[in-house]
Amino acid sequence: MIPNNKDLSLFWNRWKSIAAVKDNRIHVINPDIVDRPGPRIVDGLDKLAHIIHPEVF
């Protein structure tokens, strides 16, 4: 089950000392895309690339 945004927000807000949490830089990718081997991994890598280097796109 994929947690909803509210649940994820509550989970991560416990660690406000982490820079990514403090700066609201937590990103969620559907685990079905990146955790299962197969052709969809390319879609997951594309999503990660957009998150890590948005200036390239």
PDB file of N, CA and C in Angstrom:
ATOM      1  N   MET A   1       0.833  -1.177   0.000  1.00  0.00           N
ATOM      2  CA  MET A   1       0.000   0.000   0.000  1.00  0.00           C
ATOM      3  C   MET A   1       0.886   1.251   0.000  1.00  0.00           C
ATOM      4  N   ILE A   2       0.566   2.179  -0.850  1.00  0.00           N
ATOM      5  CA  ILE A   2       1.311   3.429  -0.940  1.00  0.00           C
ATOM      6  C   ILE A   2       0.676   4.428   0.027  1.00  0.00           C
ATOM      7  N   PRO A   3       1.478   4.965   0.961  1.00  0.00           N
ATOM      8  CA  PRO A   3       0.906   5.930   1.917  1.00  0.00           C
ATOM      9  C   PRO A   3       0.488   7.216   1.219  1.00  0.00           C
ATOM     10  N   ASN A   4      -0.518   7.879   1.779  1.00  0.00           N
ATOM     11  CA  ASN A   4      -0.960   9.143   1.193  1.00  0.00           C
ATOM     12  C   ASN A   4      -0.047  10.274   1.665  1.00  0.00           C
ATOM     13  N   ASN A   5      -0.201  11.435   1.050  1.00  0.00           N
ATOM     14  CA  ASN A   5       0.678  12.568   1.358  1.00  0.00           C
ATOM     15  C   ASN A   5       0.603  12.998   2.814  1.00  0.00           C
ATOM     16  N   LYS A   6      -0.578  12.933   3.422  1.00  0.00           N
ATOM     17  CA  LYS A   6      -0.728  13.335   4.822  1.00  0.00           C
ATOM     18  C   LYS A   6       0.084  12.408   5.727  1.00  0.00           C
ATOM     19  N   ASP A   7      -0.020  11.113   5.487  1.00  0.00           N
ATOM     20  CA  ASP A   7       0.732  10.149   6.289  1.00  0.00           C
ATOM     21  C   ASP A   7       2.236  10.356   6.126  1.00  0.00           C
ATOM     22  N   LEU A   8       2.666  10.588   4.893  1.00  0.00           N
ATOM     23  CA  LEU A   8       4.095  10.811   4.651  1.00  0.00           C
ATOM     24  C   LEU A   8       4.573  12.087   5.323  1.00  0.00           C
ATOM     25  N   SER A   9       3.754  13.123   5.270  1.00  0.00           N
ATOM     26  CA  SER A   9       4.116  14.388   5.900  1.00  0.00           C
ATOM     27  C   SER A   9       4.280  14.202   7.407  1.00  0.00           C
ATOM     28  N   LEU A  10       3.337  13.517   8.029  1.00  0.00           N
ATOM     29  CA  LEU A  10       3.431  13.267   9.472  1.00  0.00           C
ATOM     30  C   LEU A  10       4.666  12.442   9.806  1.00  0.00           C
ATOM     31  N   PHE A  11       4.959  11.457   8.971  1.00  0.00           N
ATOM     32  CA  PHE A  11       6.116  10.600   9.187  1.00  0.00           C
ATOM     33  C   PHE A  11       7.411  11.412   9.139  1.00  0.00           C
ATOM     34  N   TRP A  12       7.595  12.205   8.084  1.00  0.00           N
ATOM     35  CA  TRP A  12       8.847  12.935   7.908  1.00  0.00           C
ATOM     36  C   TRP A  12       8.976  14.131   8.829  1.00  0.00           C
ATOM     37  N   ASN A  13       7.892  14.744   9.242  1.00  0.00           N
ATOM     38  CA  ASN A  13       7.976  15.925  10.101  1.00  0.00           C
ATOM     39  C   ASN A  13       8.554  15.630  11.474  1.00  0.00           C
ATOM     40  N   ARG A  14       8.741  14.376  11.809  1.00  0.00           N
ATOM     41  CA  ARG A  14       9.390  14.027  13.073  1.00  0.00           C
ATOM     42  C   ARG A  14      10.871  14.395  13.060  1.00  0.00           C
ATOM     43  N   TRP A  15      11.438  14.547  11.857  1.00  0.00           N
ATOM     44  CA  TRP A  15      12.867  14.803  11.726  1.00  0.00           C
ATOM     45  C   TRP A  15      13.118  16.160  11.072  1.00  0.00           C
ATOM     46  N   LYS A  16      12.646  17.208  11.708  1.00  0.00           N
ATOM     47  CA  LYS A  16      12.796  18.555  11.155  1.00  0.00           C
ATOM     48  C   LYS A  16      14.246  19.032  11.129  1.00  0.00           C
ATOM     49  N   SER A  17      15.137  18.350  11.812  1.00  0.00           N
ATOM     50  CA  SER A  17      16.550  18.751  11.789  1.00  0.00           C
ATOM     51  C   SER A  17      17.248  18.287  10.507  1.00  0.00           C
ATOM     52  N   ILE A  18      16.636  17.378   9.766  1.00  0.00           N
ATOM     53  CA  ILE A  18      17.207  16.936   8.495  1.00  0.00           C
ATOM     54  C   ILE A  18      16.939  18.024   7.454  1.00  0.00           C
ATOM     55  N   ALA A  19      17.986  18.434   6.745  1.00  0.00           N
ATOM     56  CA  ALA A  19      17.881  19.552   5.792  1.00  0.00           C
ATOM     57  C   ALA A  19      16.778  19.331   4.753  1.00  0.00           C
ATOM     58  N   ALA A  20      16.655  18.143   4.215  1.00  0.00           N
ATOM     59  CA  ALA A  20      15.637  17.883   3.192  1.00  0.00           C
ATOM     60  C   ALA A  20      14.228  18.059   3.749  1.00  0.00           C
ATOM     61  N   VAL A  21      14.024  17.682   4.994  1.00  0.00           N
ATOM     62  CA  VAL A  21      12.713  17.855   5.628  1.00  0.00           C
ATOM     63  C   VAL A  21      12.468  19.336   5.893  1.00  0.00           C
ATOM     64  N   LYS A  22      13.462  20.000   6.445  1.00  0.00           N
ATOM     65  CA  LYS A  22      13.345  21.417   6.772  1.00  0.00           C
ATOM     66  C   LYS A  22      13.059  22.256   5.527  1.00  0.00           C
ATOM     67  N   ASP A  23      13.693  21.891   4.408  1.00  0.00           N
ATOM     68  CA  ASP A  23      13.546  22.642   3.163  1.00  0.00           C
ATOM     69  C   ASP A  23      12.446  22.095   2.254  1.00  0.00           C
ATOM     70  N   ASN A  24      11.654  21.161   2.771  1.00  0.00           N
ATOM     71  CA  ASN A  24      10.534  20.568   2.024  1.00  0.00           C
ATOM     72  C   ASN A  24      11.000  19.953   0.703  1.00  0.00           C
ATOM     73  N   ARG A  25      12.051  19.135   0.791  1.00  0.00           N
ATOM     74  CA  ARG A  25      12.596  18.487  -0.395  1.00  0.00           C
ATOM     75  C   ARG A  25      12.466  16.968  -0.325  1.00  0.00           C
ATOM     76  N   ILE A  26      11.370  16.486   0.235  1.00  0.00           N
ATOM     77  CA  ILE A  26      11.102  15.053   0.269  1.00  0.00           C
ATOM     78  C   ILE A  26      10.247  14.727  -0.951  1.00  0.00           C
ATOM     79  N   HIS A  27      10.703  13.772  -1.741  1.00  0.00           N
ATOM     80  CA  HIS A  27       9.989  13.384  -2.958  1.00  0.00           C
ATOM     81  C   HIS A  27       9.586  11.922  -2.851  1.00  0.00           C
ATOM     82  N   VAL A  28       8.426  11.598  -3.378  1.00  0.00           N
ATOM     83  CA  VAL A  28       7.912  10.238  -3.314  1.00  0.00           C
ATOM     84  C   VAL A  28       7.740   9.709  -4.728  1.00  0.00           C
ATOM     85  N   ILE A  29       8.242   8.520  -4.952  1.00  0.00           N
ATOM     86  CA  ILE A  29       8.074   7.836  -6.234  1.00  0.00           C
ATOM     87  C   ILE A  29       7.369   6.521  -5.947  1.00  0.00           C
ATOM     88  N   ASN A  30       6.399   6.198  -6.778  1.00  0.00           N
ATOM     89  CA  ASN A  30       5.647   4.953  -6.624  1.00  0.00           C
ATOM     90  C   ASN A  30       6.626   3.777  -6.604  1.00  0.00           C
ATOM     91  N   PRO A  31       6.650   3.003  -5.523  1.00  0.00           N
ATOM     92  CA  PRO A  31       7.602   1.892  -5.439  1.00  0.00           C
ATOM     93  C   PRO A  31       7.369   0.814  -6.496  1.00  0.00           C
ATOM     94  N   ASP A  32       6.160   0.699  -7.020  1.00  0.00           N
ATOM     95  CA  ASP A  32       5.911  -0.294  -8.077  1.00  0.00           C
ATOM     96  C   ASP A  32       6.741   0.008  -9.322  1.00  0.00           C
ATOM     97  N   ILE A  33       7.101   1.266  -9.521  1.00  0.00           N
ATOM     98  CA  ILE A  33       7.870   1.643 -10.708  1.00  0.00           C
ATOM     99  C   ILE A  33       9.354   1.354 -10.517  1.00  0.00           C
ATOM    100  N   VAL A  34       9.885   1.580  -9.326  1.00  0.00           N
ATOM    101  CA  VAL A  34      11.333   1.458  -9.138  1.00  0.00           C
ATOM    102  C   VAL A  34      11.775   0.187  -8.414  1.00  0.00           C
ATOM    103  N   ASP A  35      10.896  -0.494  -7.710  1.00  0.00           N
ATOM    104  CA  ASP A  35      11.295  -1.669  -6.928  1.00  0.00           C
ATOM    105  C   ASP A  35      11.181  -2.991  -7.681  1.00  0.00           C
ATOM    106  N   ARG A  36      10.399  -3.008  -8.735  1.00  0.00           N
ATOM    107  CA  ARG A  36      10.210  -4.258  -9.469  1.00  0.00           C
ATOM    108  C   ARG A  36      11.057  -4.246 -10.739  1.00  0.00           C
ATOM    109  N   PRO A  37      11.855  -5.288 -10.934  1.00  0.00           N
ATOM    110  CA  PRO A  37      12.642  -5.327 -12.163  1.00  0.00           C
ATOM    111  C   PRO A  37      11.718  -5.433 -13.381  1.00  0.00           C
ATOM    112  N   GLY A  38      12.038  -4.717 -14.410  1.00  0.00           N
ATOM    113  CA  GLY A  38      11.246  -4.750 -15.634  1.00  0.00           C
ATOM    114  C   GLY A  38      11.390  -3.462 -16.406  1.00  0.00           C
ATOM    115  N   PRO A  39      10.675  -3.353 -17.493  1.00  0.00           N
ATOM    116  CA  PRO A  39      10.818  -2.172 -18.357  1.00  0.00           C
ATOM    117  C   PRO A  39      10.384  -0.864 -17.711  1.00  0.00           C
ATOM    118  N   ARG A  40       9.537  -0.930 -16.677  1.00  0.00           N
ATOM    119  CA  ARG A  40       9.092   0.316 -16.037  1.00  0.00           C
ATOM    120  C   ARG A  40      10.198   0.994 -15.233  1.00  0.00           C
ATOM    121  N   ILE A  41      11.304   0.295 -15.000  1.00  0.00           N
ATOM    122  CA  ILE A  41      12.408   0.905 -14.261  1.00  0.00           C
ATOM    123  C   ILE A  41      12.909   2.150 -14.992  1.00  0.00           C
ATOM    124  N   VAL A  42      12.792   2.152 -16.317  1.00  0.00           N
ATOM    125  CA  VAL A  42      13.213   3.319 -17.093  1.00  0.00           C
ATOM    126  C   VAL A  42      12.350   4.524 -16.722  1.00  0.00           C
ATOM    127  N   ASP A  43      11.055   4.305 -16.523  1.00  0.00           N
ATOM    128  CA  ASP A  43      10.169   5.395 -16.089  1.00  0.00           C
ATOM    129  C   ASP A  43      10.588   5.903 -14.714  1.00  0.00           C
ATOM    130  N   GLY A  44      10.940   4.979 -13.835  1.00  0.00           N
ATOM    131  CA  GLY A  44      11.390   5.371 -12.500  1.00  0.00           C
ATOM    132  C   GLY A  44      12.679   6.170 -12.541  1.00  0.00           C
ATOM    133  N   LEU A  45      13.608   5.749 -13.375  1.00  0.00           N
ATOM    134  CA  LEU A  45      14.863   6.480 -13.516  1.00  0.00           C
ATOM    135  C   LEU A  45      14.632   7.870 -14.091  1.00  0.00           C
ATOM    136  N   ASP A  46      13.689   7.980 -15.008  1.00  0.00           N
ATOM    137  CA  ASP A  46      13.345   9.285 -15.575  1.00  0.00           C
ATOM    138  C   ASP A  46      12.794  10.208 -14.486  1.00  0.00           C
ATOM    139  N   LYS A  47      11.917   9.678 -13.641  1.00  0.00           N
ATOM    140  CA  LYS A  47      11.360  10.479 -12.548  1.00  0.00           C
ATOM    141  C   LYS A  47      12.457  10.925 -11.582  1.00  0.00           C
ATOM    142  N   LEU A  48      13.364  10.001 -11.249  1.00  0.00           N
ATOM    143  CA  LEU A  48      14.480  10.345 -10.368  1.00  0.00           C
ATOM    144  C   LEU A  48      15.366  11.424 -10.992  1.00  0.00           C
ATOM    145  N   ALA A  49      15.648  11.290 -12.257  1.00  0.00           N
ATOM    146  CA  ALA A  49      16.481  12.284 -12.939  1.00  0.00           C
ATOM    147  C   ALA A  49      15.828  13.660 -12.906  1.00  0.00           C
ATOM    148  N   HIS A  50      14.513  13.714 -13.098  1.00  0.00           N
ATOM    149  CA  HIS A  50      13.802  14.998 -13.038  1.00  0.00           C
ATOM    150  C   HIS A  50      13.873  15.609 -11.638  1.00  0.00           C
ATOM    151  N   ILE A  51      13.843  14.765 -10.620  1.00  0.00           N
ATOM    152  CA  ILE A  51      13.926  15.257  -9.246  1.00  0.00           C
ATOM    153  C   ILE A  51      15.336  15.753  -8.927  1.00  0.00           C
ATOM    154  N   ILE A  52      16.336  14.978  -9.322  1.00  0.00           N
ATOM    155  CA  ILE A  52      17.716  15.296  -8.975  1.00  0.00           C
ATOM    156  C   ILE A  52      18.264  16.449  -9.807  1.00  0.00           C
ATOM    157  N   HIS A  53      17.954  16.460 -11.099  1.00  0.00           N
ATOM    158  CA  HIS A  53      18.494  17.485 -12.009  1.00  0.00           C
ATOM    159  C   HIS A  53      17.390  18.101 -12.855  1.00  0.00           C
ATOM    160  N   PRO A  54      16.473  18.859 -12.243  1.00  0.00           N
ATOM    161  CA  PRO A  54      15.368  19.447 -13.023  1.00  0.00           C
ATOM    162  C   PRO A  54      15.853  20.458 -14.070  1.00  0.00           C
ATOM    163  N   GLU A  55      17.033  21.030 -13.857  1.00  0.00           N
ATOM    164  CA  GLU A  55      17.533  22.026 -14.802  1.00  0.00           C
ATOM    165  C   GLU A  55      17.872  21.413 -16.166  1.00  0.00           C
ATOM    166  N   VAL A  56      18.074  20.121 -16.229  1.00  0.00           N
ATOM    167  CA  VAL A  56      18.408  19.456 -17.490  1.00  0.00           C
ATOM    168  C   VAL A  56      17.163  19.295 -18.358  1.00  0.00           C
ATOM    169  N   PHE A  57      16.017  19.249 -17.740  1.00  0.00           N
ATOM    170  CA  PHE A  57      14.780  19.000 -18.479  1.00  0.00           C
ATOM    171  C   PHE A  57      14.076  20.282 -18.682  1.00  0.00           C
TER     172      PHE A  57
END
